[in-house]
C-alpha atoms as a PDB file:
ATOM      1  CA  UNK A   1      -0.580  19.421 -40.022  1.00  0.00           C
ATOM      2  CA  UNK A   2       0.843  16.127 -38.832  1.00  0.00           C
ATOM      3  CA  UNK A   3      -1.086  13.024 -39.961  1.00  0.00           C
ATOM      4  CA  UNK A   4      -3.258  11.408 -37.293  1.00  0.00           C
ATOM      5  CA  UNK A   5      -2.215   7.922 -36.231  1.00  0.00           C
ATOM      6  CA  UNK A   6      -3.919   5.417 -33.974  1.00  0.00           C
ATOM      7  CA  UNK A   7      -1.747   3.753 -31.334  1.00  0.00           C
ATOM      8  CA  UNK A   8      -3.548   0.962 -29.442  1.00  0.00           C
ATOM      9  CA  UNK A   9      -2.676   0.103 -25.849  1.00  0.00           C
ATOM     10  CA  UNK A  10       0.464  -2.004 -25.573  1.00  0.00           C
ATOM     11  CA  UNK A  11      -1.430  -4.828 -23.848  1.00  0.00           C
ATOM     12  CA  UNK A  12      -4.398  -4.892 -26.219  1.00  0.00           C
ATOM     13  CA  UNK A  13      -3.644  -8.364 -27.603  1.00  0.00           C
ATOM     14  CA  UNK A  14      -3.088  -9.906 -24.168  1.00  0.00           C
ATOM     15  CA  UNK A  15      -5.723 -11.824 -22.216  1.00  0.00           C
ATOM     16  CA  UNK A  16      -7.454 -10.121 -19.280  1.00  0.00           C
ATOM     17  CA  UNK A  17      -5.415 -12.207 -16.829  1.00  0.00           C
ATOM     18  CA  UNK A  18      -2.132 -11.250 -18.521  1.00  0.00           C
ATOM     19  CA  UNK A  19      -3.133  -7.582 -18.589  1.00  0.00           C
ATOM     20  CA  UNK A  20      -3.894  -7.607 -14.866  1.00  0.00           C
ATOM     21  CA  UNK A  21      -0.579  -9.300 -14.042  1.00  0.00           C
ATOM     22  CA  UNK A  22       1.418  -6.667 -15.944  1.00  0.00           C
ATOM     23  CA  UNK A  23       2.819  -3.703 -14.060  1.00  0.00           C
ATOM     24  CA  UNK A  24       2.663  -0.843 -14.681  1.00  0.00           C
ATOM     25  CA  UNK A  25      -0.803  -1.433 -16.133  1.00  0.00           C
ATOM     26  CA  UNK A  26      -2.237   0.375 -19.119  1.00  0.00           C
ATOM     27  CA  UNK A  27      -5.074   2.805 -18.301  1.00  0.00           C
ATOM     28  CA  UNK A  28      -8.440   1.047 -18.480  1.00  0.00           C
ATOM     29  CA  UNK A  29     -11.641   3.046 -17.973  1.00  0.00           C
ATOM     30  CA  UNK A  30     -13.673  -0.077 -17.191  1.00  0.00           C
ATOM     31  CA  UNK A  31     -11.240  -1.071 -14.440  1.00  0.00           C
ATOM     32  CA  UNK A  32     -11.195   2.514 -13.144  1.00  0.00           C
ATOM     33  CA  UNK A  33     -14.985   2.549 -12.985  1.00  0.00           C
ATOM     34  CA  UNK A  34     -15.163  -0.809 -11.180  1.00  0.00           C
ATOM     35  CA  UNK A  35     -12.442   0.229  -8.737  1.00  0.00           C
ATOM     36  CA  UNK A  36     -14.182   3.511  -7.900  1.00  0.00           C
ATOM     37  CA  UNK A  37     -17.559   1.824  -7.394  1.00  0.00           C
ATOM     38  CA  UNK A  38     -16.106  -0.895  -5.171  1.00  0.00           C
ATOM     39  CA  UNK A  39     -14.125   1.718  -3.198  1.00  0.00           C
ATOM     40  CA  UNK A  40     -17.313   3.604  -2.358  1.00  0.00           C
ATOM     41  CA  UNK A  41     -18.982   0.389  -1.167  1.00  0.00           C
ATOM     42  CA  UNK A  42     -15.920  -0.596   0.885  1.00  0.00           C
ATOM     43  CA  UNK A  43     -15.708   2.826   2.533  1.00  0.00           C
ATOM     44  CA  UNK A  44     -19.326   2.597   3.611  1.00  0.00           C
ATOM     45  CA  UNK A  45     -18.765  -0.954   4.862  1.00  0.00           C
ATOM     46  CA  UNK A  46     -15.654   0.055   6.838  1.00  0.00           C
ATOM     47  CA  UNK A  47     -17.480   3.038   8.345  1.00  0.00           C
ATOM     48  CA  UNK A  48     -20.621   1.095   9.313  1.00  0.00           C
ATOM     49  CA  UNK A  49     -19.478  -2.474   9.991  1.00  0.00           C
ATOM     50  CA  UNK A  50     -16.064  -1.642  11.489  1.00  0.00           C
ATOM     51  CA  UNK A  51     -16.708   1.949  12.652  1.00  0.00           C
ATOM     52  CA  UNK A  52     -13.398   2.960  11.053  1.00  0.00           C
ATOM     53  CA  UNK A  53     -11.885   6.023  12.701  1.00  0.00           C
ATOM     54  CA  UNK A  54      -9.073   7.842  10.891  1.00  0.00           C
ATOM     55  CA  UNK A  55      -6.904  10.520  12.503  1.00  0.00           C
ATOM     56  CA  UNK A  56      -3.968  12.403  11.026  1.00  0.00           C
ATOM     57  CA  UNK A  57      -5.346  12.967   7.545  1.00  0.00           C
ATOM     58  CA  UNK A  58      -3.965  16.508   7.739  1.00  0.00           C
ATOM     59  CA  UNK A  59      -0.461  15.010   7.429  1.00  0.00           C
ATOM     60  CA  UNK A  60      -1.142  13.623   3.947  1.00  0.00           C
ATOM     61  CA  UNK A  61       0.716  15.663   1.289  1.00  0.00           C
ATOM     62  CA  UNK A  62      -1.600  17.355  -1.180  1.00  0.00           C
ATOM     63  CA  UNK A  63       0.840  17.136  -4.075  1.00  0.00           C
ATOM     64  CA  UNK A  64       3.702  14.959  -5.214  1.00  0.00           C
ATOM     65  CA  UNK A  65       4.464  11.337  -4.503  1.00  0.00           C
ATOM     66  CA  UNK A  66       4.658   9.918  -0.986  1.00  0.00           C
ATOM     67  CA  UNK A  67       4.876   6.631   0.917  1.00  0.00           C
ATOM     68  CA  UNK A  68       2.617   5.221   3.623  1.00  0.00           C
ATOM     69  CA  UNK A  69       4.262   2.666   5.926  1.00  0.00           C
ATOM     70  CA  UNK A  70       2.138   0.608   8.315  1.00  0.00           C
ATOM     71  CA  UNK A  71       1.921  -2.473  10.497  1.00  0.00           C
ATOM     72  CA  UNK A  72       0.392  -5.567   8.913  1.00  0.00           C
ATOM     73  CA  UNK A  73      -2.182  -7.664  10.771  1.00  0.00           C
ATOM     74  CA  UNK A  74      -4.911  -8.348   8.262  1.00  0.00           C
ATOM     75  CA  UNK A  75      -6.225  -8.092   4.703  1.00  0.00           C
ATOM     76  CA  UNK A  76      -8.141  -5.076   6.018  1.00  0.00           C
ATOM     77  CA  UNK A  77      -4.939  -3.038   6.337  1.00  0.00           C
ATOM     78  CA  UNK A  78      -4.621  -1.973   2.705  1.00  0.00           C
ATOM     79  CA  UNK A  79      -8.349  -1.240   2.458  1.00  0.00           C
ATOM     80  CA  UNK A  80      -8.194   1.089   5.475  1.00  0.00           C
ATOM     81  CA  UNK A  81      -5.138   2.944   4.193  1.00  0.00           C
ATOM     82  CA  UNK A  82      -6.786   3.399   0.798  1.00  0.00           C
ATOM     83  CA  UNK A  83      -9.925   4.668   2.543  1.00  0.00           C
ATOM     84  CA  UNK A  84      -7.842   7.423   4.138  1.00  0.00           C
ATOM     85  CA  UNK A  85      -6.971   8.849   0.718  1.00  0.00           C
ATOM     86  CA  UNK A  86      -9.124  11.151  -1.428  1.00  0.00           C
ATOM     87  CA  UNK A  87     -11.073   9.233  -4.057  1.00  0.00           C
ATOM     88  CA  UNK A  88      -9.430  11.261  -6.817  1.00  0.00           C
ATOM     89  CA  UNK A  89      -6.074   9.678  -5.884  1.00  0.00           C
ATOM     90  CA  UNK A  90      -7.405   6.121  -5.806  1.00  0.00           C
ATOM     91  CA  UNK A  91      -5.972   5.079  -9.185  1.00  0.00           C
ATOM     92  CA  UNK A  92      -2.518   6.394  -8.307  1.00  0.00           C
ATOM     93  CA  UNK A  93      -2.269   4.600  -4.956  1.00  0.00           C
ATOM     94  CA  UNK A  94      -0.410   1.269  -5.043  1.00  0.00           C
ATOM     95  CA  UNK A  95      -0.260  -1.094  -2.051  1.00  0.00           C
ATOM     96  CA  UNK A  96       2.704  -3.440  -2.400  1.00  0.00           C
ATOM     97  CA  UNK A  97       1.336  -6.994  -2.351  1.00  0.00           C
ATOM     98  CA  UNK A  98       3.111 -10.348  -2.270  1.00  0.00           C
ATOM     99  CA  UNK A  99       3.440 -11.545  -5.853  1.00  0.00           C
ATOM    100  CA  UNK A 100       3.554 -15.193  -4.735  1.00  0.00           C
ATOM    101  CA  UNK A 101       0.204 -14.847  -2.928  1.00  0.00           C
ATOM    102  CA  UNK A 102      -1.984 -12.289  -4.715  1.00  0.00           C
ATOM    103  CA  UNK A 103      -0.825 -12.715  -8.318  1.00  0.00           C
ATOM    104  CA  UNK A 104      -1.191 -16.471  -8.699  1.00  0.00           C
ATOM    105  CA  UNK A 105      -4.873 -17.473  -8.608  1.00  0.00           C
ATOM    106  CA  UNK A 106      -7.413 -15.585 -10.747  1.00  0.00           C
ATOM    107  CA  UNK A 107      -9.724 -14.533  -7.858  1.00  0.00           C
ATOM    108  CA  UNK A 108      -6.846 -13.056  -5.860  1.00  0.00           C
ATOM    109  CA  UNK A 109      -5.405 -11.474  -8.981  1.00  0.00           C
ATOM    110  CA  UNK A 110      -8.719  -9.746  -9.717  1.00  0.00           C
ATOM    111  CA  UNK A 111      -8.959  -8.508  -6.136  1.00  0.00           C
ATOM    112  CA  UNK A 112      -5.364  -7.248  -6.123  1.00  0.00           C
ATOM    113  CA  UNK A 113      -5.288  -5.608  -9.552  1.00  0.00           C
ATOM    114  CA  UNK A 114      -8.829  -4.275  -9.916  1.00  0.00           C
ATOM    115  CA  UNK A 115     -10.006  -3.503  -6.385  1.00  0.00           C
ATOM    116  CA  UNK A 116      -6.752  -2.680  -4.588  1.00  0.00           C
ATOM    117  CA  UNK A 117      -4.566  -1.610  -7.547  1.00  0.00           C
ATOM    118  CA  UNK A 118      -1.723  -3.557  -5.989  1.00  0.00           C
ATOM    119  CA  UNK A 119       1.895  -3.501  -7.064  1.00  0.00           C
ATOM    120  CA  UNK A 120       3.289  -7.066  -7.287  1.00  0.00           C
ATOM    121  CA  UNK A 121       6.261  -7.342  -4.926  1.00  0.00           C
ATOM    122  CA  UNK A 122       8.552 -10.362  -5.015  1.00  0.00           C
ATOM    123  CA  UNK A 123       9.413 -11.332  -1.444  1.00  0.00           C
ATOM    124  CA  UNK A 124      11.759 -14.254  -2.095  1.00  0.00           C
ATOM    125  CA  UNK A 125      13.404 -13.645  -5.482  1.00  0.00           C
ATOM    126  CA  UNK A 126      13.898 -10.567  -7.673  1.00  0.00           C
ATOM    127  CA  UNK A 127      13.604  -8.294  -4.644  1.00  0.00           C
ATOM    128  CA  UNK A 128      15.922  -5.742  -6.260  1.00  0.00           C
ATOM    129  CA  UNK A 129      13.683  -5.651  -9.311  1.00  0.00           C
ATOM    130  CA  UNK A 130      10.664  -4.980  -7.080  1.00  0.00           C
ATOM    131  CA  UNK A 131      12.495  -2.179  -5.261  1.00  0.00           C
ATOM    132  CA  UNK A 132      13.483  -0.641  -8.599  1.00  0.00           C
ATOM    133  CA  UNK A 133       9.841  -0.786  -9.673  1.00  0.00           C
ATOM    134  CA  UNK A 134       8.888   1.089  -6.503  1.00  0.00           C
ATOM    135  CA  UNK A 135      11.552   3.744  -7.156  1.00  0.00           C
ATOM    136  CA  UNK A 136      10.316   4.329 -10.692  1.00  0.00           C
ATOM    137  CA  UNK A 137       6.754   4.580  -9.456  1.00  0.00           C
ATOM    138  CA  UNK A 138       7.695   7.225  -6.858  1.00  0.00           C
ATOM    139  CA  UNK A 139       9.708   9.163  -9.442  1.00  0.00           C
ATOM    140  CA  UNK A 140       6.436   9.839 -11.257  1.00  0.00           C
ATOM    141  CA  UNK A 141       4.978  12.756  -9.273  1.00  0.00           C
ATOM    142  CA  UNK A 142       1.594  12.116  -7.741  1.00  0.00           C
ATOM    143  CA  UNK A 143       1.909   8.384  -7.049  1.00  0.00           C
ATOM    144  CA  UNK A 144       1.329   6.884  -3.606  1.00  0.00           C
ATOM    145  CA  UNK A 145       3.092   3.714  -2.458  1.00  0.00           C
ATOM    146  CA  UNK A 146       1.707   1.721   0.490  1.00  0.00           C
ATOM    147  CA  UNK A 147       4.214  -0.569   2.212  1.00  0.00           C
ATOM    148  CA  UNK A 148       4.006  -3.173   4.967  1.00  0.00           C
ATOM    149  CA  UNK A 149       7.685  -3.620   5.953  1.00  0.00           C
ATOM    150  CA  UNK A 150       7.036  -6.629   8.196  1.00  0.00           C
ATOM    151  CA  UNK A 151       6.715  -8.566   4.939  1.00  0.00           C
ATOM    152  CA  UNK A 152       3.709 -10.644   5.995  1.00  0.00           C
ATOM    153  CA  UNK A 153       0.698 -10.519   8.280  1.00  0.00           C
ATOM    154  CA  UNK A 154       1.432 -11.024  11.956  1.00  0.00           C
ATOM    155  CA  UNK A 155       0.012 -14.079  13.701  1.00  0.00           C
ATOM    156  CA  UNK A 156       0.045 -12.421  17.135  1.00  0.00           C
ATOM    157  CA  UNK A 157      -1.338  -8.944  16.493  1.00  0.00           C
ATOM    158  CA  UNK A 158       1.916  -7.331  17.633  1.00  0.00           C
ATOM    159  CA  UNK A 159       4.090  -5.105  15.447  1.00  0.00           C
ATOM    160  CA  UNK A 160       6.918  -7.211  14.070  1.00  0.00           C
ATOM    161  CA  UNK A 161      10.408  -6.238  12.967  1.00  0.00           C
ATOM    162  CA  UNK A 162      10.656  -4.130   9.805  1.00  0.00           C
ATOM    163  CA  UNK A 163      12.784  -5.646   7.064  1.00  0.00           C
ATOM    164  CA  UNK A 164      15.675  -3.490   5.755  1.00  0.00           C
ATOM    165  CA  UNK A 165      14.213  -3.524   2.237  1.00  0.00           C
ATOM    166  CA  UNK A 166      12.086  -0.512   3.134  1.00  0.00           C
ATOM    167  CA  UNK A 167      15.247   1.319   4.144  1.00  0.00           C
ATOM    168  CA  UNK A 168      17.035   0.318   0.945  1.00  0.00           C
ATOM    169  CA  UNK A 169      14.147   1.830  -1.014  1.00  0.00           C
ATOM    170  CA  UNK A 170      13.886   5.082   0.939  1.00  0.00           C
ATOM    171  CA  UNK A 171      17.569   5.926   1.516  1.00  0.00           C
ATOM    172  CA  UNK A 172      18.334   8.905  -0.705  1.00  0.00           C
ATOM    173  CA  UNK A 173      14.735   9.012  -1.961  1.00  0.00           C
ATOM    174  CA  UNK A 174      13.325  12.545  -1.845  1.00  0.00           C
ATOM    175  CA  UNK A 175       9.690  11.744  -1.030  1.00  0.00           C
ATOM    176  CA  UNK A 176       7.760  12.140   2.244  1.00  0.00           C
ATOM    177  CA  UNK A 177       7.271   8.950   4.274  1.00  0.00           C
ATOM    178  CA  UNK A 178       4.339   8.743   6.676  1.00  0.00           C
ATOM    179  CA  UNK A 179       4.302   6.052   9.398  1.00  0.00           C
ATOM    180  CA  UNK A 180       0.819   4.698  10.151  1.00  0.00           C
ATOM    181  CA  UNK A 181      -0.684   2.333  12.705  1.00  0.00           C
ATOM    182  CA  UNK A 182      -3.925   0.416  12.356  1.00  0.00           C
ATOM    183  CA  UNK A 183      -5.516  -0.926  15.526  1.00  0.00           C
ATOM    184  CA  UNK A 184      -8.284  -3.519  15.663  1.00  0.00           C
ATOM    185  CA  UNK A 185      -7.559  -5.237  12.342  1.00  0.00           C
ATOM    186  CA  UNK A 186      -6.104  -8.337  13.979  1.00  0.00           C
ATOM    187  CA  UNK A 187      -9.217  -8.848  16.082  1.00  0.00           C
ATOM    188  CA  UNK A 188     -11.473  -8.086  13.103  1.00  0.00           C
ATOM    189  CA  UNK A 189      -9.838 -10.362  10.536  1.00  0.00           C
ATOM    190  CA  UNK A 190      -6.765 -12.303  11.686  1.00  0.00           C
ATOM    191  CA  UNK A 191      -4.729 -14.510   9.400  1.00  0.00           C
ATOM    192  CA  UNK A 192      -6.445 -17.843   8.796  1.00  0.00           C
ATOM    193  CA  UNK A 193     -10.031 -16.639   9.288  1.00  0.00           C
ATOM    194  CA  UNK A 194     -12.396 -16.691   6.339  1.00  0.00           C
ATOM    195  CA  UNK A 195     -14.561 -13.663   7.145  1.00  0.00           C
ATOM    196  CA  UNK A 196     -14.064 -10.402   9.081  1.00  0.00           C
ATOM    197  CA  UNK A 197     -15.777  -9.754  12.392  1.00  0.00           C
ATOM    198  CA  UNK A 198     -17.380  -6.384  13.320  1.00  0.00           C
ATOM    199  CA  UNK A 199     -14.495  -5.086  15.447  1.00  0.00           C
ATOM    200  CA  UNK A 200     -13.751  -1.360  15.552  1.00  0.00           C
ATOM    201  CA  UNK A 201     -10.810  -0.145  13.468  1.00  0.00           C
ATOM    202  CA  UNK A 202      -8.662   2.891  14.224  1.00  0.00           C
ATOM    203  CA  UNK A 203      -6.068   4.243  11.813  1.00  0.00           C
ATOM    204  CA  UNK A 204      -3.567   6.865  12.917  1.00  0.00           C
ATOM    205  CA  UNK A 205      -1.389   8.635  10.345  1.00  0.00           C
ATOM    206  CA  UNK A 206       1.834  10.144  11.650  1.00  0.00           C
ATOM    207  CA  UNK A 207       3.815  13.157  10.543  1.00  0.00           C
ATOM    208  CA  UNK A 208       5.857  12.841   7.347  1.00  0.00           C
ATOM    209  CA  UNK A 209       9.610  12.386   7.449  1.00  0.00           C
ATOM    210  CA  UNK A 210      12.275  12.248   4.761  1.00  0.00           C
ATOM    211  CA  UNK A 211      15.371  10.120   4.195  1.00  0.00           C
ATOM    212  CA  UNK A 212      16.640  12.037   1.169  1.00  0.00           C
ATOM    213  CA  UNK A 213      19.930  12.824   2.916  1.00  0.00           C
ATOM    214  CA  UNK A 214      20.632   9.201   3.856  1.00  0.00           C
ATOM    215  CA  UNK A 215      23.491   7.610   1.947  1.00  0.00           C
ATOM    216  CA  UNK A 216      22.240   4.390   0.306  1.00  0.00           C
ATOM    217  CA  UNK A 217      23.823   1.298   1.799  1.00  0.00           C
ATOM    218  CA  UNK A 218      23.254  -1.556   4.222  1.00  0.00           C
ATOM    219  CA  UNK A 219      23.806   0.558   7.334  1.00  0.00           C
ATOM    220  CA  UNK A 220      21.344   3.238   6.258  1.00  0.00           C
ATOM    221  CA  UNK A 221      18.788   0.644   5.169  1.00  0.00           C
ATOM    222  CA  UNK A 222      18.808  -1.001   8.590  1.00  0.00           C
ATOM    223  CA  UNK A 223      18.707   2.337  10.427  1.00  0.00           C
ATOM    224  CA  UNK A 224      15.721   3.571   8.405  1.00  0.00           C
ATOM    225  CA  UNK A 225      13.837   0.317   8.972  1.00  0.00           C
ATOM    226  CA  UNK A 226      14.412   0.584  12.724  1.00  0.00           C
ATOM    227  CA  UNK A 227      13.369   4.252  12.790  1.00  0.00           C
ATOM    228  CA  UNK A 228      10.131   3.561  10.933  1.00  0.00           C
ATOM    229  CA  UNK A 229       9.347   0.557  13.114  1.00  0.00           C
ATOM    230  CA  UNK A 230       9.852   2.729  16.186  1.00  0.00           C
ATOM    231  CA  UNK A 231       7.604   5.440  14.721  1.00  0.00           C
ATOM    232  CA  UNK A 232       4.801   2.920  14.097  1.00  0.00           C
ATOM    233  CA  UNK A 233       5.173   1.546  17.630  1.00  0.00           C
ATOM    234  CA  UNK A 234       4.892   5.085  19.015  1.00  0.00           C
ATOM    235  CA  UNK A 235       1.629   5.531  17.103  1.00  0.00           C
ATOM    236  CA  UNK A 236       0.461   2.219  18.554  1.00  0.00           C
ATOM    237  CA  UNK A 237       0.765   3.707  22.056  1.00  0.00           C
ATOM    238  CA  UNK A 238      -1.778   6.366  21.084  1.00  0.00           C
ATOM    239  CA  UNK A 239      -4.326   3.576  20.593  1.00  0.00           C
ATOM    240  CA  UNK A 240      -3.714   1.959  23.963  1.00  0.00           C
ATOM    241  CA  UNK A 241      -6.407   2.574  26.617  1.00  0.00           C
ATOM    242  CA  UNK A 242      -5.411   5.145  29.202  1.00  0.00           C
END
């Protein structure tokens, strides 16, 4: 019989702030419990206060890793996309969040790491490192990556241009990619406003597509970004009044 040895978590000697900034994070049952409890409260709040309506859940893969790509109008966006997922997958869903915004101050860090389980994404420097982190995350079967390819929240409510970084990540990547569109988030909680208003939210999840056959490179990256932007805009039309 092999002797039993105790191996503490790699981040055990780090402060709570340092542990939350690290990615990937070590499993933490306290954080998991807090995240699950807050998720239940947020789902009730979204359903009651914002009357969140989700369509297209049948397109979500039941197994394996996949990517959700959506427009970005508000801090509500990630919460709505997480609410569309089964609770059992909550701790393996990672919205990409701006490292220079969410991982600086302690309150935002706590919100990003504990509540949202965000992946820190460098928008200005070390972009390649962030993309590599996303690739490694998707290579681990069962993980879910949530991306907002516009790069920042819109100030007009309109879908902006998708940056080619999303294409650079997905070209040659054999995982399903689901375009999504969230309507009402800009009216509910636009950039610059302190608190959300009780506007109705509607999330539509599109059919999955794959870019596994795309040859990685600048041309493919741009083409994939354009295709996904077009797919999100097509979903937006489904929300327009007839």
